[in-house]
């Protein structure tokens, strides 16, 4: 018996020790719990990641242009070989058959084979390749910043749609309260009317108010369903449990610190504009330097076979094109300079410099705008907190007043119109409080976007 009692006591202690741990592990759903799924599954995020991958490949492709360029060709042809004297400018569409102009014997057609490999390495280009490589790296960082800016905008969209769901849910609950109040009044009025204590018109008036409240409930039910559909478009699933957030929406923690009051200096939008300005600057430098000469090391090897032997006899056989082979090699250095590009590339470079200056000025404009908007947002949030406190007090007082007037109506001390008027005041106070809560959370979402910090919003809603 003592052993059983001891086991029971130890079991109670174990349950008491495990219960707090279970409570810690069981986290309530918040707005932040939806974000990982949205970030992982939303197609727009995948599109931005693909753009980053493309920019990285572009950067690697630009860097590969600094390596030696190797080209090769192999061909086997069959045709005439009659040569011609004279000179010409080689243009696309011309081809060479032979440099031989003496009369040959044998076939009028000959086979030829040819293969070559060349290597070209640009040793010095006045920094053009380096600037192009730096521009490609900057473009990659700009793409990363654009992705971060997109995620920030997506967080705000998710927050606004989640707040809309909670707002419409609160409105629906509010209309259900009104329906219940009017149903209670309707039942009391029907009883008093049947007893002959009040006119029958009062019963009709109470019934009309009740039916009107039913119609209002259907309206907000439609709004809640629509907002839930919009939220599921981001989340990818329509089974979202926002029960815990309903209480936090209606009772926001207005006394908790919200974070910094100034704009984030590393805001993704500002980073993207900064990278865009740098990219145009580097591209302009590369464009101007591309007008300067290019110094290259050249090398090549060629193999050639023909059906024409050294004695002047021409074989018409196809495989004879691999006979009478010769091979040559050539190395050297070269300088390439397109003089016309001196003026053209200078204009293109100036164009890019102007774009860089435009992006830099936009950066300054956005930075000033964000700082001003953050300060304005903090002022609005502080006043919104005051509105929440006062409207919350107004709801409590209106509820107490309604309860007292309902008791007086049951006792026949006031008329139905007076009770309905008090109920209307309570309804308006509750509606104003719900809208104030919505405005408060929307202001927090706006400030979170400005400061690039959604931690408070994601953890408290």
Protein backbone atom coordinates (compact mmCIF):
# COMPACT_ATOMS: atom_id res chain seq x y z
CA UNK A 1 0.00 0.00 0.00
CA UNK A 2 2.82 2.39 0.92
CA UNK A 3 4.55 1.51 -2.34
CA UNK A 4 1.43 2.44 -4.37
CA UNK A 5 1.15 5.74 -2.55
CA UNK A 6 4.81 6.49 -3.24
CA UNK A 7 4.35 5.71 -6.96
CA UNK A 8 1.31 7.99 -7.13
CA UNK A 9 3.22 10.85 -5.47
CA UNK A 10 6.15 10.47 -7.87
CA UNK A 11 3.77 10.44 -10.84
CA UNK A 12 2.24 13.73 -9.69
CA UNK A 13 5.67 15.30 -9.37
CA UNK A 14 6.59 14.09 -12.87
CA UNK A 15 3.41 15.55 -14.36
CA UNK A 16 4.03 18.84 -12.57
CA UNK A 17 7.57 18.98 -13.95
CA UNK A 18 6.57 18.09 -17.50
CA UNK A 19 3.60 20.49 -17.75
CA UNK A 20 5.66 23.73 -17.92
CA UNK A 21 8.00 22.14 -20.42
CA UNK A 22 5.05 21.11 -22.59
CA UNK A 23 3.65 24.63 -22.33
CA UNK A 24 6.96 26.00 -23.58
CA UNK A 25 7.12 23.57 -26.48
CA UNK A 26 3.53 24.27 -27.51
CA UNK A 27 3.92 27.62 -29.22
CA UNK A 28 0.87 29.61 -30.20
CA UNK A 29 0.47 30.41 -33.86
CA UNK A 30 1.55 33.92 -34.77
CA UNK A 31 1.91 35.93 -37.94
CA UNK A 32 5.60 35.03 -37.92
CA UNK A 33 4.80 31.30 -38.04
CA UNK A 34 3.27 31.79 -41.50
CA UNK A 35 6.30 33.52 -43.00
CA UNK A 36 8.68 30.52 -43.42
CA UNK A 37 6.04 28.71 -45.50
CA UNK A 38 5.40 31.79 -47.65
CA UNK A 39 9.12 32.37 -48.19
CA UNK A 40 9.65 28.72 -49.10
CA UNK A 41 6.70 28.18 -51.45
CA UNK A 42 5.64 31.51 -53.00
CA UNK A 43 6.55 31.58 -56.74
CA UNK A 44 7.68 35.21 -56.65
CA UNK A 45 10.49 34.34 -54.22
CA UNK A 46 11.66 31.54 -56.51
CA UNK A 47 11.69 34.02 -59.40
CA UNK A 48 13.98 36.36 -57.45
CA UNK A 49 16.28 33.47 -56.54
CA UNK A 50 16.48 32.51 -60.22
CA UNK A 51 17.40 36.12 -61.05
CA UNK A 52 20.22 35.94 -58.49
CA UNK A 53 21.47 32.69 -60.03
CA UNK A 54 21.39 34.30 -63.47
CA UNK A 55 23.38 37.31 -62.20
CA UNK A 56 25.95 34.97 -60.65
CA UNK A 57 26.34 33.09 -63.93
CA UNK A 58 26.70 36.43 -65.74
CA UNK A 59 29.48 37.39 -63.32
CA UNK A 60 31.28 34.11 -63.99
CA UNK A 61 30.85 34.56 -67.75
CA UNK A 62 32.41 38.05 -67.60
CA UNK A 63 35.36 36.72 -65.59
CA UNK A 64 35.87 33.91 -68.12
CA UNK A 65 36.53 36.53 -70.81
CA UNK A 66 39.79 37.33 -69.02
CA UNK A 67 41.04 33.81 -69.81
CA UNK A 68 42.73 32.87 -73.12
CA UNK A 69 40.17 32.37 -75.89
CA UNK A 70 40.69 29.13 -77.84
CA UNK A 71 38.94 28.54 -81.18
CA UNK A 72 39.10 25.54 -83.49
CA UNK A 73 37.59 24.43 -86.79
CA UNK A 74 37.66 21.29 -88.94
CA UNK A 75 36.24 20.94 -92.49
CA UNK A 76 36.44 18.68 -95.51
CA UNK A 77 35.28 20.13 -98.82
CA UNK A 78 34.98 19.09 -102.47
CA UNK A 79 34.97 21.63 -105.28
CA UNK A 80 36.84 23.45 -107.98
CA UNK A 81 40.34 24.81 -107.49
CA UNK A 82 40.78 27.37 -110.24
CA UNK A 83 42.71 30.30 -108.89
CA UNK A 84 42.56 33.93 -109.88
CA UNK A 85 44.97 36.81 -109.64
CA UNK A 86 44.22 40.24 -108.26
CA UNK A 87 43.41 41.81 -104.95
CA UNK A 88 40.24 42.28 -102.94
CA UNK A 89 38.92 43.26 -99.54
CA UNK A 90 37.70 40.09 -97.79
CA UNK A 91 34.03 40.44 -96.80
CA UNK A 92 31.52 37.98 -95.31
CA UNK A 93 30.37 35.55 -98.01
CA UNK A 94 33.76 35.19 -99.78
CA UNK A 95 35.63 31.93 -99.66
CA UNK A 96 39.05 30.83 -100.93
CA UNK A 97 39.56 27.77 -103.14
CA UNK A 98 43.22 27.94 -104.20
CA UNK A 99 46.11 30.27 -104.80
CA UNK A 100 47.32 28.21 -107.78
CA UNK A 101 46.92 29.87 -111.23
CA UNK A 102 48.96 27.47 -113.38
CA UNK A 103 47.26 24.82 -115.52
CA UNK A 104 47.00 21.43 -113.83
CA UNK A 105 46.23 17.95 -115.19
CA UNK A 106 43.74 15.36 -114.06
CA UNK A 107 40.32 15.97 -112.53
CA UNK A 108 38.58 19.34 -112.65
CA UNK A 109 37.39 18.80 -109.05
CA UNK A 110 39.54 18.21 -105.99
CA UNK A 111 38.91 17.37 -102.34
CA UNK A 112 40.43 19.44 -99.54
CA UNK A 113 40.70 19.08 -95.79
CA UNK A 114 41.53 21.78 -93.28
CA UNK A 115 41.75 22.10 -89.52
CA UNK A 116 43.04 24.86 -87.28
CA UNK A 117 43.22 25.98 -83.68
CA UNK A 118 43.95 29.50 -82.51
CA UNK A 119 44.51 31.03 -79.11
CA UNK A 120 44.03 34.71 -78.27
CA UNK A 121 44.84 36.19 -74.88
CA UNK A 122 44.17 39.82 -74.10
CA UNK A 123 47.07 40.86 -71.90
CA UNK A 124 46.33 44.54 -71.42
CA UNK A 125 43.16 46.52 -72.06
CA UNK A 126 43.66 49.57 -69.80
CA UNK A 127 41.50 48.01 -67.05
CA UNK A 128 38.44 47.42 -69.21
CA UNK A 129 38.08 43.73 -68.31
CA UNK A 130 38.62 44.48 -64.62
CA UNK A 131 35.90 47.15 -64.66
CA UNK A 132 33.52 44.82 -66.48
CA UNK A 133 34.19 42.13 -63.87
CA UNK A 134 33.57 44.60 -61.02
CA UNK A 135 30.36 45.77 -62.73
CA UNK A 136 29.14 42.18 -63.02
CA UNK A 137 29.87 41.58 -59.31
CA UNK A 138 27.98 44.78 -58.43
CA UNK A 139 25.05 43.68 -60.59
CA UNK A 140 24.95 40.42 -58.62
CA UNK A 141 24.84 42.29 -55.30
CA UNK A 142 22.14 44.57 -56.71
CA UNK A 143 20.05 41.50 -57.57
CA UNK A 144 20.48 40.21 -54.02
CA UNK A 145 19.32 43.57 -52.62
CA UNK A 146 16.32 43.54 -54.96
CA UNK A 147 15.40 40.10 -53.66
CA UNK A 148 15.65 41.37 -50.07
CA UNK A 149 13.45 44.35 -50.99
CA UNK A 150 10.94 41.97 -52.58
CA UNK A 151 10.88 39.82 -49.43
CA UNK A 152 10.31 42.97 -47.37
CA UNK A 153 7.37 43.95 -49.56
CA UNK A 154 6.05 40.38 -49.36
CA UNK A 155 6.24 40.49 -45.56
CA UNK A 156 4.17 43.66 -45.60
CA UNK A 157 1.62 42.11 -47.98
CA UNK A 158 1.36 39.04 -45.72
CA UNK A 159 0.94 41.26 -42.66
CA UNK A 160 -1.75 43.40 -44.27
CA UNK A 161 -3.72 40.38 -45.48
CA UNK A 162 -3.42 38.70 -42.08
CA UNK A 163 -4.59 41.87 -40.35
CA UNK A 164 -7.50 42.06 -42.80
CA UNK A 165 -8.55 38.51 -41.88
CA UNK A 166 -8.40 39.33 -38.17
CA UNK A 167 -10.27 42.62 -38.71
CA UNK A 168 -13.08 40.96 -40.64
CA UNK A 169 -13.23 38.17 -38.05
CA UNK A 170 -13.55 40.79 -35.31
CA UNK A 171 -16.26 42.56 -37.28
CA UNK A 172 -18.12 39.29 -37.74
CA UNK A 173 -17.90 38.58 -34.01
CA UNK A 174 -19.10 42.12 -33.37
CA UNK A 175 -22.18 41.60 -35.57
CA UNK A 176 -22.90 38.28 -33.83
CA UNK A 177 -22.88 40.11 -30.49
CA UNK A 178 -25.32 42.63 -31.93
CA UNK A 179 -27.53 39.81 -33.21
CA UNK A 180 -27.56 38.20 -29.76
CA UNK A 181 -28.38 41.51 -28.05
CA UNK A 182 -31.22 42.26 -30.44
CA UNK A 183 -32.51 38.71 -30.17
CA UNK A 184 -32.64 39.14 -26.39
CA UNK A 185 -34.46 42.46 -26.78
CA UNK A 186 -36.82 40.88 -29.31
CA UNK A 187 -37.68 38.06 -26.91
CA UNK A 188 -38.26 40.48 -24.02
CA UNK A 189 -40.36 42.77 -26.23
CA UNK A 190 -42.44 39.86 -27.49
CA UNK A 191 -43.20 38.79 -23.92
CA UNK A 192 -44.08 42.31 -22.79
CA UNK A 193 -46.22 42.85 -25.87
CA UNK A 194 -48.08 39.58 -25.32
CA UNK A 195 -48.76 40.66 -21.74
CA UNK A 196 -50.15 43.97 -23.01
CA UNK A 197 -47.51 46.02 -21.23
CA UNK A 198 -46.10 47.62 -24.38
CA UNK A 199 -47.51 48.33 -27.85
CA UNK A 200 -47.24 45.67 -30.55
CA UNK A 201 -45.29 48.18 -32.65
CA UNK A 202 -42.38 47.79 -30.23
CA UNK A 203 -42.26 44.08 -31.01
CA UNK A 204 -42.16 44.82 -34.74
CA UNK A 205 -39.43 47.43 -34.24
CA UNK A 206 -37.30 44.98 -32.24
CA UNK A 207 -37.83 42.28 -34.88
CA UNK A 208 -36.85 44.66 -37.70
CA UNK A 209 -33.66 45.64 -35.88
CA UNK A 210 -32.87 41.95 -35.35
CA UNK A 211 -33.33 41.11 -39.05
CA UNK A 212 -31.18 44.07 -40.05
CA UNK A 213 -28.40 42.80 -37.77
CA UNK A 214 -28.66 39.38 -39.43
CA UNK A 215 -28.07 41.01 -42.80
CA UNK A 216 -25.05 42.89 -41.45
CA UNK A 217 -23.63 39.59 -40.19
CA UNK A 218 -23.88 38.05 -43.66
CA UNK A 219 -22.00 41.01 -45.09
CA UNK A 220 -19.04 40.61 -42.75
CA UNK A 221 -19.07 36.85 -43.22
CA UNK A 222 -18.49 37.44 -46.93
CA UNK A 223 -15.67 39.87 -46.18
CA UNK A 224 -13.98 37.35 -43.88
CA UNK A 225 -14.17 34.56 -46.46
CA UNK A 226 -12.77 36.88 -49.17
CA UNK A 227 -9.87 38.04 -46.99
CA UNK A 228 -9.07 34.43 -46.06
CA UNK A 229 -8.86 33.57 -49.76
CA UNK A 230 -6.44 36.45 -50.35
CA UNK A 231 -4.29 35.26 -47.44
CA UNK A 232 -4.26 31.66 -48.70
CA UNK A 233 -2.94 32.93 -52.07
CA UNK A 234 0.29 33.85 -50.28
CA UNK A 235 0.34 30.99 -47.80
CA UNK A 236 -0.64 28.28 -50.26
CA UNK A 237 -3.17 26.68 -47.88
CA UNK A 238 -6.60 27.73 -46.71
CA UNK A 239 -6.37 25.91 -43.35
CA UNK A 240 -4.81 28.70 -41.31
CA UNK A 241 -5.42 28.70 -37.56
CA UNK A 242 -5.48 32.32 -36.42
CA UNK A 243 -7.42 31.74 -33.18
CA UNK A 244 -4.59 32.89 -30.93
CA UNK A 245 -4.05 36.02 -33.00
CA UNK A 246 -7.68 37.09 -32.60
CA UNK A 247 -7.09 37.96 -28.95
CA UNK A 248 -3.80 39.72 -29.69
CA UNK A 249 -5.50 41.73 -32.44
CA UNK A 250 -8.24 42.97 -30.12
CA UNK A 251 -5.89 43.54 -27.16
CA UNK A 252 -2.60 44.83 -28.62
CA UNK A 253 0.41 45.21 -26.35
CA UNK A 254 0.58 48.99 -26.66
CA UNK A 255 3.11 49.42 -23.86
CA UNK A 256 5.82 47.20 -25.33
CA UNK A 257 8.83 48.81 -27.08
CA UNK A 258 8.55 48.66 -30.85
CA UNK A 259 12.25 48.99 -31.66
CA UNK A 260 14.23 51.80 -33.26
CA UNK A 261 12.66 55.06 -34.33
CA UNK A 262 14.88 55.75 -37.31
CA UNK A 263 15.16 54.20 -40.74
CA UNK A 264 17.46 51.24 -41.17
CA UNK A 265 20.68 52.45 -42.89
CA UNK A 266 20.96 49.07 -44.63
CA UNK A 267 17.44 49.09 -46.01
CA UNK A 268 17.24 46.77 -49.05
CA UNK A 269 15.76 49.47 -51.28
CA UNK A 270 18.63 51.84 -50.43
CA UNK A 271 21.13 49.03 -50.98
CA UNK A 272 19.63 48.27 -54.39
CA UNK A 273 19.85 51.92 -55.44
CA UNK A 274 23.43 52.14 -54.19
CA UNK A 275 24.39 49.03 -56.15
CA UNK A 276 22.62 50.39 -59.23
CA UNK A 277 24.62 53.64 -59.02
CA UNK A 278 27.88 51.70 -58.66
CA UNK A 279 26.97 49.40 -61.53
CA UNK A 280 26.37 52.31 -63.90
CA UNK A 281 29.60 53.98 -62.79
CA UNK A 282 31.66 50.84 -63.37
CA UNK A 283 29.93 50.16 -66.69
CA UNK A 284 30.68 53.73 -67.77
CA UNK A 285 34.35 53.30 -66.89
CA UNK A 286 34.48 50.03 -68.84
CA UNK A 287 32.72 51.65 -71.79
CA UNK A 288 35.23 54.54 -71.96
CA UNK A 289 38.19 52.21 -71.64
CA UNK A 290 36.92 49.93 -74.39
CA UNK A 291 37.78 52.73 -76.83
CA UNK A 292 41.49 52.35 -75.99
CA UNK A 293 43.82 49.87 -77.71
CA UNK A 294 43.85 46.19 -76.79
CA UNK A 295 47.14 44.26 -76.58
CA UNK A 296 46.90 40.54 -77.28
CA UNK A 297 49.09 37.46 -77.58
CA UNK A 298 48.17 35.39 -80.64
CA UNK A 299 49.01 31.82 -81.54
CA UNK A 300 47.74 29.30 -84.07
CA UNK A 301 48.25 25.93 -85.69
CA UNK A 302 46.81 24.83 -89.05
CA UNK A 303 46.68 21.55 -90.94
CA UNK A 304 45.75 21.30 -94.62
CA UNK A 305 45.39 18.43 -97.05
CA UNK A 306 44.52 18.43 -100.78
CA UNK A 307 44.01 16.13 -103.73
CA UNK A 308 46.48 18.16 -105.79
CA UNK A 309 49.95 16.63 -105.55
CA UNK A 310 53.22 18.59 -105.89
CA UNK A 311 53.59 17.43 -109.55
CA UNK A 312 50.37 19.21 -110.52
CA UNK A 313 48.19 16.11 -110.88
CA UNK A 314 44.66 16.52 -109.53
CA UNK A 315 42.84 13.53 -108.04
CA UNK A 316 39.06 13.64 -107.99
CA UNK A 317 38.73 11.02 -105.23
CA UNK A 318 37.02 12.15 -102.01
CA UNK A 319 39.58 10.56 -99.69
CA UNK A 320 42.43 12.17 -101.62
CA UNK A 321 41.62 15.37 -99.76
CA UNK A 322 43.61 14.03 -96.80
CA UNK A 323 46.79 13.56 -98.92
CA UNK A 324 49.58 16.04 -99.60
CA UNK A 325 49.22 17.48 -96.14
CA UNK A 326 50.99 20.51 -94.74
CA UNK A 327 50.94 22.06 -91.31
CA UNK A 328 51.90 25.52 -90.08
CA UNK A 329 52.12 27.40 -86.82
CA UNK A 330 52.16 31.07 -86.06
CA UNK A 331 52.70 33.14 -82.88
CA UNK A 332 52.88 36.85 -82.28
CA UNK A 333 51.42 39.88 -80.56
CA UNK A 334 48.78 42.21 -81.86
CA UNK A 335 47.26 45.59 -81.13
CA UNK A 336 43.61 46.24 -81.92
CA UNK A 337 42.24 49.78 -81.85
CA UNK A 338 38.95 50.90 -83.26
CA UNK A 339 39.55 54.62 -83.65
CA UNK A 340 35.91 55.42 -84.41
CA UNK A 341 34.86 54.13 -80.96
CA UNK A 342 36.80 56.93 -79.26
CA UNK A 343 33.86 59.32 -79.65
CA UNK A 344 31.02 56.78 -79.58
CA UNK A 345 32.16 55.03 -76.41
CA UNK A 346 32.80 58.37 -74.74
CA UNK A 347 29.13 59.28 -75.30
CA UNK A 348 27.98 55.86 -74.05
CA UNK A 349 30.16 56.25 -70.96
CA UNK A 350 28.72 59.69 -70.21
CA UNK A 351 25.22 58.24 -70.56
CA UNK A 352 26.00 55.59 -67.96
CA UNK A 353 27.53 58.20 -65.63
CA UNK A 354 24.31 60.22 -65.84
CA UNK A 355 22.30 57.12 -64.95
CA UNK A 356 24.64 56.54 -62.00
CA UNK A 357 24.06 60.09 -60.77
CA UNK A 358 20.30 59.65 -61.17
CA UNK A 359 20.38 56.46 -59.05
CA UNK A 360 22.52 58.22 -56.42
CA UNK A 361 20.07 61.12 -56.18
CA UNK A 362 17.19 58.66 -55.89
CA UNK A 363 19.10 57.00 -53.05
CA UNK A 364 19.31 60.33 -51.21
CA UNK A 365 15.63 61.02 -51.86
CA UNK A 366 14.51 57.62 -50.56
CA UNK A 367 16.80 57.88 -47.53
CA UNK A 368 15.34 61.24 -46.51
CA UNK A 369 11.81 60.02 -47.23
CA UNK A 370 12.24 56.88 -45.12
CA UNK A 371 13.62 58.84 -42.16
CA UNK A 372 10.75 61.31 -42.31
CA UNK A 373 8.15 58.56 -42.72
CA UNK A 374 9.54 56.62 -39.74
CA UNK A 375 9.31 59.70 -37.51
CA UNK A 376 5.78 60.41 -38.73
CA UNK A 377 4.81 56.77 -38.24
CA UNK A 378 6.05 56.75 -34.65
CA UNK A 379 3.98 59.85 -33.91
CA UNK A 380 0.88 58.22 -35.42
CA UNK A 381 1.46 55.00 -33.48
CA UNK A 382 1.73 56.89 -30.18
CA UNK A 383 -1.55 58.69 -30.82
CA UNK A 384 -3.14 55.46 -32.00
CA UNK A 385 -2.19 53.83 -28.69
CA UNK A 386 -3.98 56.67 -26.90
CA UNK A 387 -7.04 56.15 -29.07
CA UNK A 388 -7.03 52.45 -28.22
CA UNK A 389 -6.92 53.16 -24.49
CA UNK A 390 -9.74 55.69 -24.65
CA UNK A 391 -11.96 53.74 -27.03
CA UNK A 392 -11.43 50.62 -24.88
CA UNK A 393 -12.62 52.58 -21.85
CA UNK A 394 -15.57 53.86 -23.89
CA UNK A 395 -16.56 50.29 -24.80
CA UNK A 396 -16.48 49.22 -21.14
CA UNK A 397 -18.56 52.18 -20.02
CA UNK A 398 -21.03 51.70 -22.88
CA UNK A 399 -21.39 48.03 -21.98
CA UNK A 400 -22.09 48.87 -18.33
CA UNK A 401 -24.60 51.52 -19.38
CA UNK A 402 -26.35 49.09 -21.72
CA UNK A 403 -26.65 46.45 -19.01
CA UNK A 404 -28.23 48.99 -16.66
CA UNK A 405 -30.62 50.31 -19.30
CA UNK A 406 -31.61 46.75 -20.26
CA UNK A 407 -32.52 46.07 -16.64
CA UNK A 408 -34.54 49.29 -16.54
CA UNK A 409 -36.33 48.33 -19.76
CA UNK A 410 -37.29 44.97 -18.30
CA UNK A 411 -38.79 46.86 -15.37
CA UNK A 412 -40.71 49.18 -17.71
CA UNK A 413 -38.83 52.27 -16.65
CA UNK A 414 -37.66 53.26 -20.16
CA UNK A 415 -39.00 52.82 -23.68
CA UNK A 416 -37.70 50.54 -26.41
CA UNK A 417 -36.41 53.45 -28.49
CA UNK A 418 -34.25 54.58 -25.56
CA UNK A 419 -32.82 51.07 -25.13
CA UNK A 420 -32.11 50.76 -28.84
CA UNK A 421 -30.37 54.11 -28.79
CA UNK A 422 -28.08 52.98 -25.96
CA UNK A 423 -27.45 49.72 -27.81
CA UNK A 424 -26.54 51.73 -30.89
CA UNK A 425 -24.00 53.74 -28.88
CA UNK A 426 -22.46 50.51 -27.60
CA UNK A 427 -22.35 49.12 -31.13
CA UNK A 428 -20.60 52.26 -32.42
CA UNK A 429 -18.06 52.19 -29.57
CA UNK A 430 -17.19 48.55 -30.28
CA UNK A 431 -16.90 49.24 -34.00
CA UNK A 432 -14.61 52.23 -33.42
CA UNK A 433 -12.39 50.12 -31.16
CA UNK A 434 -12.09 47.34 -33.76
CA UNK A 435 -11.19 49.85 -36.47
CA UNK A 436 -8.67 51.51 -34.15
CA UNK A 437 -7.06 48.10 -33.56
CA UNK A 438 -6.87 47.54 -37.30
CA UNK A 439 -5.30 50.95 -37.86
CA UNK A 440 -2.78 50.32 -35.08
CA UNK A 441 -1.54 47.04 -36.58
CA UNK A 442 -1.46 48.55 -40.06
CA UNK A 443 0.74 51.36 -38.78
CA UNK A 444 3.08 48.79 -37.24
CA UNK A 445 3.25 46.94 -40.57
CA UNK A 446 4.07 50.19 -42.37
CA UNK A 447 6.77 51.06 -39.83
CA UNK A 448 8.20 47.52 -40.09
CA UNK A 449 8.60 47.96 -43.83
CA UNK A 450 10.30 51.34 -43.37
CA UNK A 451 12.76 49.99 -40.78
CA UNK A 452 13.13 46.57 -42.48
CA UNK A 453 12.34 44.94 -39.13
CA UNK A 454 9.25 42.75 -38.78
CA UNK A 455 10.34 41.01 -35.56
CA UNK A 456 7.91 42.83 -33.26
CA UNK A 457 4.96 42.43 -35.61
CA UNK A 458 5.67 38.76 -36.37
CA UNK A 459 6.11 37.88 -32.66
CA UNK A 460 3.16 39.83 -31.27
CA UNK A 461 0.33 39.22 -33.73
